[in-house]
């Protein structure tokens, strides 16, 4: 099976994932997968789970969105944030979910609906990925 290089870049760190055989990303219109020799392009990413397959083993990461740049022999993910399943503090993610749920139920919340929904989606995603 052919491989390609995967880089993940956030505002605070850069991860060189090295050679991988597959990556699945959360696109705005649904998940999409990339294998070697994929057509080049730039695709917007949503909050969701990134699946990386290397040497037949899967790794899962949580992201809060960004962009993917697919090139001939490399994929670069430019994301707001990324956490591996092992980096996620499940208790902290659970508390974030509780706060977001509470804010959503409050009538006089100081946060607008879009920010509340975004924080709710991020918390749910982080919890899901932490259990991988």
N, C-alpha and C. Protein backbone atom coordinates (compact mmCIF):
# COMPACT_ATOMS: atom_id res chain seq x y z
N UNK A 1 0.86 -1.19 0.00
CA UNK A 1 0.00 0.00 0.00
C UNK A 1 0.89 1.24 0.00
N UNK A 2 0.55 2.23 -0.77
CA UNK A 2 1.32 3.47 -0.84
C UNK A 2 1.03 4.36 0.35
N UNK A 3 2.02 5.15 0.71
CA UNK A 3 1.90 6.07 1.83
C UNK A 3 2.10 7.50 1.36
N UNK A 4 1.76 8.44 2.22
CA UNK A 4 1.98 9.86 1.98
C UNK A 4 2.29 10.51 3.31
N UNK A 5 2.86 11.70 3.28
CA UNK A 5 3.21 12.41 4.50
C UNK A 5 2.01 13.21 5.02
N UNK A 6 1.79 13.19 6.33
CA UNK A 6 0.71 13.93 6.96
C UNK A 6 1.29 14.90 7.97
N UNK A 7 0.94 16.18 7.82
CA UNK A 7 1.32 17.22 8.78
C UNK A 7 0.05 17.83 9.33
N UNK A 8 0.05 18.09 10.63
CA UNK A 8 -1.08 18.75 11.27
C UNK A 8 -0.53 20.00 11.96
N UNK A 9 -1.07 21.16 11.59
CA UNK A 9 -0.57 22.43 12.09
C UNK A 9 -1.68 23.17 12.82
N UNK A 10 -1.39 23.60 14.05
CA UNK A 10 -2.30 24.44 14.82
C UNK A 10 -1.58 25.75 15.11
N UNK A 11 -2.27 26.74 15.66
CA UNK A 11 -1.58 27.99 16.00
C UNK A 11 -0.48 27.81 17.06
N UNK A 12 -0.54 26.73 17.84
CA UNK A 12 0.45 26.58 18.92
C UNK A 12 1.39 25.39 18.77
N UNK A 13 1.12 24.49 17.82
CA UNK A 13 2.04 23.37 17.63
C UNK A 13 1.91 22.77 16.25
N UNK A 14 2.93 22.02 15.90
CA UNK A 14 2.95 21.35 14.59
C UNK A 14 3.26 19.87 14.83
N UNK A 15 2.43 19.01 14.27
CA UNK A 15 2.63 17.57 14.40
C UNK A 15 3.02 17.00 13.04
N UNK A 16 4.17 16.37 12.98
CA UNK A 16 4.57 15.68 11.76
C UNK A 16 4.22 14.21 11.99
N UNK A 17 3.12 13.79 11.44
CA UNK A 17 2.65 12.42 11.64
C UNK A 17 3.44 11.41 10.82
N UNK A 18 4.29 11.90 9.94
CA UNK A 18 5.11 11.01 9.13
C UNK A 18 4.31 10.36 8.01
N UNK A 19 4.75 9.18 7.61
CA UNK A 19 4.11 8.46 6.52
C UNK A 19 2.87 7.71 7.02
N UNK A 20 1.76 7.94 6.37
CA UNK A 20 0.50 7.28 6.70
C UNK A 20 -0.11 6.70 5.43
N UNK A 21 -1.01 5.74 5.60
CA UNK A 21 -1.65 5.15 4.42
C UNK A 21 -3.06 5.70 4.18
N UNK A 22 -3.66 6.32 5.23
CA UNK A 22 -5.04 6.79 5.09
C UNK A 22 -5.30 7.85 6.16
N UNK A 23 -6.09 8.84 5.81
CA UNK A 23 -6.59 9.80 6.77
C UNK A 23 -8.05 10.10 6.42
N UNK A 24 -8.90 10.08 7.45
CA UNK A 24 -10.32 10.45 7.29
C UNK A 24 -10.55 11.71 8.09
N UNK A 25 -11.16 12.70 7.45
CA UNK A 25 -11.36 14.01 8.07
C UNK A 25 -12.84 14.40 8.07
N UNK A 26 -13.22 15.25 9.03
CA UNK A 26 -14.61 15.74 9.07
C UNK A 26 -14.78 16.97 8.19
N UNK A 27 -15.28 16.81 7.00
CA UNK A 27 -15.53 17.94 6.11
C UNK A 27 -16.84 18.63 6.48
N UNK A 28 -17.02 19.84 6.01
CA UNK A 28 -18.26 20.57 6.30
C UNK A 28 -19.48 19.84 5.74
N UNK A 29 -19.29 19.12 4.64
CA UNK A 29 -20.40 18.40 4.01
C UNK A 29 -20.37 16.91 4.32
N UNK A 30 -19.60 16.51 5.31
CA UNK A 30 -19.48 15.10 5.67
C UNK A 30 -18.03 14.66 5.64
N UNK A 31 -17.78 13.50 6.18
CA UNK A 31 -16.42 12.98 6.25
C UNK A 31 -15.89 12.62 4.86
N UNK A 32 -14.58 12.73 4.70
CA UNK A 32 -13.93 12.32 3.47
C UNK A 32 -12.61 11.65 3.81
N UNK A 33 -12.20 10.73 2.97
CA UNK A 33 -10.96 10.01 3.18
C UNK A 33 -9.94 10.33 2.11
N UNK A 34 -8.67 10.20 2.50
CA UNK A 34 -7.58 10.46 1.57
C UNK A 34 -6.61 9.29 1.63
N UNK A 35 -6.24 8.81 0.45
CA UNK A 35 -5.21 7.79 0.33
C UNK A 35 -4.14 8.34 -0.61
N UNK A 36 -3.05 7.61 -0.77
CA UNK A 36 -1.96 8.05 -1.65
C UNK A 36 -2.49 8.33 -3.05
N UNK A 37 -1.90 9.30 -3.70
CA UNK A 37 -2.25 9.70 -5.06
C UNK A 37 -3.66 10.28 -5.19
N UNK A 38 -4.18 10.81 -4.11
CA UNK A 38 -5.49 11.45 -4.11
C UNK A 38 -5.44 12.72 -4.96
N UNK A 39 -6.54 13.10 -5.50
CA UNK A 39 -6.62 14.35 -6.27
C UNK A 39 -6.31 15.52 -5.34
N UNK A 40 -5.58 16.50 -5.83
CA UNK A 40 -5.21 17.65 -5.03
C UNK A 40 -6.42 18.55 -4.78
N UNK A 41 -6.39 19.24 -3.65
CA UNK A 41 -7.48 20.16 -3.35
C UNK A 41 -7.36 20.74 -1.97
N UNK A 42 -8.25 21.67 -1.68
CA UNK A 42 -8.37 22.29 -0.36
C UNK A 42 -9.81 22.11 0.07
N UNK A 43 -9.98 21.55 1.28
CA UNK A 43 -11.33 21.24 1.77
C UNK A 43 -11.47 21.79 3.18
N UNK A 44 -12.58 22.48 3.46
CA UNK A 44 -12.85 23.01 4.80
C UNK A 44 -13.22 21.87 5.74
N UNK A 45 -12.73 21.97 6.97
CA UNK A 45 -12.98 20.94 7.99
C UNK A 45 -13.94 21.46 9.05
N UNK A 46 -14.75 20.56 9.57
CA UNK A 46 -15.69 20.87 10.64
C UNK A 46 -15.17 20.31 11.96
N UNK A 47 -15.87 20.57 13.03
CA UNK A 47 -15.59 19.92 14.31
C UNK A 47 -15.81 18.42 14.10
N UNK A 48 -14.87 17.61 14.54
CA UNK A 48 -15.06 16.18 14.38
C UNK A 48 -13.81 15.37 14.67
N UNK A 49 -13.86 14.15 14.20
CA UNK A 49 -12.82 13.17 14.47
C UNK A 49 -11.95 12.95 13.23
N UNK A 50 -10.64 12.96 13.44
CA UNK A 50 -9.69 12.63 12.38
C UNK A 50 -9.20 11.22 12.67
N UNK A 51 -9.26 10.36 11.66
CA UNK A 51 -8.75 9.00 11.78
C UNK A 51 -7.49 8.89 10.92
N UNK A 52 -6.40 8.43 11.53
CA UNK A 52 -5.14 8.28 10.82
C UNK A 52 -4.74 6.81 10.87
N UNK A 53 -4.47 6.22 9.71
CA UNK A 53 -4.03 4.82 9.64
C UNK A 53 -2.56 4.80 9.24
N UNK A 54 -1.77 4.18 10.11
CA UNK A 54 -0.33 4.06 9.88
C UNK A 54 0.07 2.63 10.24
N UNK A 55 0.74 1.95 9.32
CA UNK A 55 1.20 0.57 9.57
C UNK A 55 0.05 -0.33 10.03
N UNK A 56 -1.13 -0.13 9.46
CA UNK A 56 -2.28 -0.96 9.78
C UNK A 56 -2.96 -0.65 11.11
N UNK A 57 -2.49 0.38 11.82
CA UNK A 57 -3.08 0.75 13.11
C UNK A 57 -3.75 2.11 13.00
N UNK A 58 -4.90 2.24 13.64
CA UNK A 58 -5.67 3.49 13.60
C UNK A 58 -5.40 4.33 14.84
N UNK A 59 -5.32 5.64 14.61
CA UNK A 59 -5.20 6.62 15.69
C UNK A 59 -6.31 7.64 15.47
N UNK A 60 -6.91 8.12 16.56
CA UNK A 60 -8.01 9.06 16.45
C UNK A 60 -7.65 10.37 17.14
N UNK A 61 -8.04 11.47 16.50
CA UNK A 61 -7.76 12.80 17.02
C UNK A 61 -9.04 13.63 16.96
N UNK A 62 -9.17 14.55 17.91
CA UNK A 62 -10.31 15.47 17.91
C UNK A 62 -9.84 16.81 17.36
N UNK A 63 -10.65 17.42 16.50
CA UNK A 63 -10.33 18.74 15.97
C UNK A 63 -11.56 19.64 16.06
N UNK A 64 -11.30 20.94 16.07
CA UNK A 64 -12.41 21.89 16.11
C UNK A 64 -12.56 22.63 14.79
N UNK A 65 -12.01 22.05 13.73
CA UNK A 65 -12.20 22.62 12.40
C UNK A 65 -10.97 23.30 11.85
N UNK A 66 -11.04 23.59 10.56
CA UNK A 66 -9.92 24.23 9.87
C UNK A 66 -9.98 23.92 8.39
N UNK A 67 -8.82 23.59 7.80
CA UNK A 67 -8.74 23.29 6.38
C UNK A 67 -7.76 22.15 6.14
N UNK A 68 -8.01 21.39 5.09
CA UNK A 68 -7.05 20.37 4.65
C UNK A 68 -6.52 20.79 3.30
N UNK A 69 -5.23 20.64 3.13
CA UNK A 69 -4.59 20.90 1.85
C UNK A 69 -4.03 19.57 1.37
N UNK A 70 -4.61 19.05 0.29
CA UNK A 70 -4.21 17.76 -0.24
C UNK A 70 -3.30 18.01 -1.44
N UNK A 71 -2.07 17.53 -1.33
CA UNK A 71 -1.08 17.70 -2.39
C UNK A 71 -0.68 16.32 -2.92
N UNK A 72 0.13 16.30 -3.95
CA UNK A 72 0.49 15.05 -4.61
C UNK A 72 1.02 13.99 -3.64
N UNK A 73 1.95 14.36 -2.77
CA UNK A 73 2.58 13.38 -1.88
C UNK A 73 2.46 13.74 -0.41
N UNK A 74 1.56 14.69 -0.10
CA UNK A 74 1.43 15.16 1.28
C UNK A 74 0.03 15.71 1.53
N UNK A 75 -0.42 15.57 2.78
CA UNK A 75 -1.65 16.21 3.23
C UNK A 75 -1.28 17.06 4.44
N UNK A 76 -1.72 18.31 4.40
CA UNK A 76 -1.48 19.21 5.52
C UNK A 76 -2.84 19.62 6.07
N UNK A 77 -3.03 19.43 7.37
CA UNK A 77 -4.26 19.85 8.04
C UNK A 77 -3.94 21.10 8.84
N UNK A 78 -4.59 22.19 8.50
CA UNK A 78 -4.43 23.47 9.21
C UNK A 78 -5.67 23.63 10.07
N UNK A 79 -5.53 23.35 11.37
CA UNK A 79 -6.69 23.27 12.24
C UNK A 79 -6.57 24.22 13.43
N UNK A 80 -7.72 24.57 13.98
CA UNK A 80 -7.75 25.43 15.16
C UNK A 80 -7.14 24.73 16.37
N UNK A 81 -7.47 23.46 16.53
CA UNK A 81 -6.95 22.66 17.63
C UNK A 81 -6.97 21.20 17.24
N UNK A 82 -6.11 20.41 17.89
CA UNK A 82 -6.10 18.97 17.67
C UNK A 82 -5.61 18.30 18.95
N UNK A 83 -6.25 17.20 19.30
CA UNK A 83 -5.86 16.41 20.47
C UNK A 83 -5.98 14.93 20.11
N UNK A 84 -4.97 14.17 20.48
CA UNK A 84 -5.08 12.72 20.32
C UNK A 84 -6.02 12.20 21.39
N UNK A 85 -6.55 11.01 21.18
CA UNK A 85 -7.47 10.42 22.16
C UNK A 85 -6.82 10.34 23.54
N UNK A 86 -5.54 10.02 23.58
CA UNK A 86 -4.85 9.88 24.88
C UNK A 86 -4.58 11.23 25.55
N UNK A 87 -4.59 12.33 24.81
CA UNK A 87 -4.35 13.65 25.39
C UNK A 87 -5.61 14.26 26.01
N UNK A 88 -6.76 13.75 25.65
CA UNK A 88 -8.02 14.35 26.11
C UNK A 88 -8.30 13.95 27.55
N UNK A 89 -8.55 14.95 28.37
CA UNK A 89 -8.96 14.73 29.76
C UNK A 89 -10.49 14.56 29.74
N UNK A 90 -10.94 13.31 29.89
CA UNK A 90 -12.37 13.01 29.78
C UNK A 90 -13.19 13.74 30.83
N UNK A 91 -12.65 13.88 32.05
CA UNK A 91 -13.39 14.59 33.11
C UNK A 91 -13.59 16.06 32.74
N UNK A 92 -12.55 16.68 32.22
CA UNK A 92 -12.64 18.08 31.80
C UNK A 92 -13.62 18.22 30.64
N UNK A 93 -13.58 17.28 29.69
CA UNK A 93 -14.51 17.32 28.56
C UNK A 93 -15.95 17.14 29.04
N UNK A 94 -16.15 16.27 30.02
CA UNK A 94 -17.49 16.06 30.58
C UNK A 94 -18.00 17.34 31.24
N UNK A 95 -17.14 18.04 31.97
CA UNK A 95 -17.54 19.30 32.61
C UNK A 95 -17.85 20.36 31.57
N UNK A 96 -17.10 20.39 30.48
CA UNK A 96 -17.38 21.33 29.39
C UNK A 96 -18.75 21.05 28.77
N UNK A 97 -19.06 19.76 28.62
CA UNK A 97 -20.36 19.38 28.08
C UNK A 97 -21.48 19.82 29.02
N UNK A 98 -21.29 19.62 30.32
CA UNK A 98 -22.30 20.04 31.30
C UNK A 98 -22.52 21.56 31.25
N UNK A 99 -21.41 22.34 31.17
CA UNK A 99 -21.53 23.80 31.09
C UNK A 99 -22.28 24.21 29.82
N UNK A 100 -21.92 23.61 28.70
CA UNK A 100 -22.56 23.97 27.43
C UNK A 100 -24.05 23.61 27.46
N UNK A 101 -24.36 22.46 28.01
CA UNK A 101 -25.76 22.03 28.12
C UNK A 101 -26.55 22.99 29.01
N UNK A 102 -25.94 23.41 30.11
CA UNK A 102 -26.60 24.34 31.03
C UNK A 102 -26.83 25.69 30.35
N UNK A 103 -25.82 26.19 29.66
CA UNK A 103 -25.96 27.48 28.96
C UNK A 103 -27.06 27.42 27.91
N UNK A 104 -27.16 26.27 27.24
CA UNK A 104 -28.18 26.13 26.20
C UNK A 104 -29.58 26.18 26.80
N UNK A 105 -29.74 25.65 28.02
CA UNK A 105 -31.06 25.61 28.64
C UNK A 105 -31.45 26.93 29.30
N UNK A 106 -30.46 27.80 29.55
CA UNK A 106 -30.75 29.08 30.19
C UNK A 106 -31.32 30.07 29.18
N UNK A 107 -32.35 30.74 29.57
CA UNK A 107 -32.98 31.72 28.69
C UNK A 107 -32.14 32.99 28.55
N UNK A 108 -31.49 33.41 29.62
CA UNK A 108 -30.77 34.68 29.63
C UNK A 108 -29.26 34.48 29.49
N UNK A 109 -28.86 33.51 28.73
CA UNK A 109 -27.44 33.25 28.56
C UNK A 109 -26.75 34.46 27.91
N UNK A 110 -25.55 34.78 28.40
CA UNK A 110 -24.78 35.89 27.83
C UNK A 110 -24.15 35.50 26.50
N UNK A 111 -24.07 34.21 26.23
CA UNK A 111 -23.47 33.75 24.98
C UNK A 111 -24.54 33.61 23.91
N UNK A 112 -24.18 33.86 22.66
CA UNK A 112 -25.15 33.69 21.60
C UNK A 112 -25.30 32.21 21.25
N UNK A 113 -26.38 31.88 20.58
CA UNK A 113 -26.70 30.48 20.27
C UNK A 113 -25.60 29.77 19.48
N UNK A 114 -25.00 30.46 18.54
CA UNK A 114 -23.96 29.84 17.71
C UNK A 114 -22.75 29.42 18.56
N UNK A 115 -22.33 30.28 19.48
CA UNK A 115 -21.19 29.94 20.36
C UNK A 115 -21.55 28.79 21.29
N UNK A 116 -22.78 28.77 21.78
CA UNK A 116 -23.21 27.68 22.65
C UNK A 116 -23.21 26.36 21.89
N UNK A 117 -23.77 26.37 20.68
CA UNK A 117 -23.79 25.15 19.85
C UNK A 117 -22.38 24.67 19.53
N UNK A 118 -21.48 25.62 19.21
CA UNK A 118 -20.11 25.25 18.90
C UNK A 118 -19.42 24.61 20.10
N UNK A 119 -19.60 25.18 21.29
CA UNK A 119 -18.96 24.60 22.47
C UNK A 119 -19.57 23.24 22.81
N UNK A 120 -20.86 23.08 22.57
CA UNK A 120 -21.52 21.80 22.79
C UNK A 120 -20.97 20.74 21.83
N UNK A 121 -20.82 21.10 20.56
CA UNK A 121 -20.28 20.16 19.57
C UNK A 121 -18.84 19.76 19.89
N UNK A 122 -18.02 20.74 20.30
CA UNK A 122 -16.62 20.44 20.64
C UNK A 122 -16.54 19.49 21.83
N UNK A 123 -17.36 19.73 22.84
CA UNK A 123 -17.34 18.88 24.04
C UNK A 123 -17.79 17.45 23.71
N UNK A 124 -18.84 17.32 22.92
CA UNK A 124 -19.33 15.99 22.53
C UNK A 124 -18.26 15.27 21.72
N UNK A 125 -17.63 15.97 20.79
CA UNK A 125 -16.59 15.36 19.96
C UNK A 125 -15.40 14.91 20.81
N UNK A 126 -14.94 15.75 21.72
CA UNK A 126 -13.79 15.39 22.56
C UNK A 126 -14.11 14.17 23.42
N UNK A 127 -15.32 14.10 23.96
CA UNK A 127 -15.72 12.93 24.75
C UNK A 127 -15.72 11.66 23.90
N UNK A 128 -16.29 11.76 22.70
CA UNK A 128 -16.35 10.61 21.81
C UNK A 128 -14.95 10.11 21.45
N UNK A 129 -14.07 11.04 21.09
CA UNK A 129 -12.72 10.65 20.69
C UNK A 129 -11.93 10.10 21.89
N UNK A 130 -12.17 10.64 23.07
CA UNK A 130 -11.44 10.17 24.27
C UNK A 130 -11.72 8.70 24.57
N UNK A 131 -12.82 8.19 24.09
CA UNK A 131 -13.20 6.79 24.35
C UNK A 131 -12.68 5.83 23.30
N UNK A 132 -11.92 6.33 22.33
CA UNK A 132 -11.36 5.48 21.25
C UNK A 132 -10.18 4.69 21.75
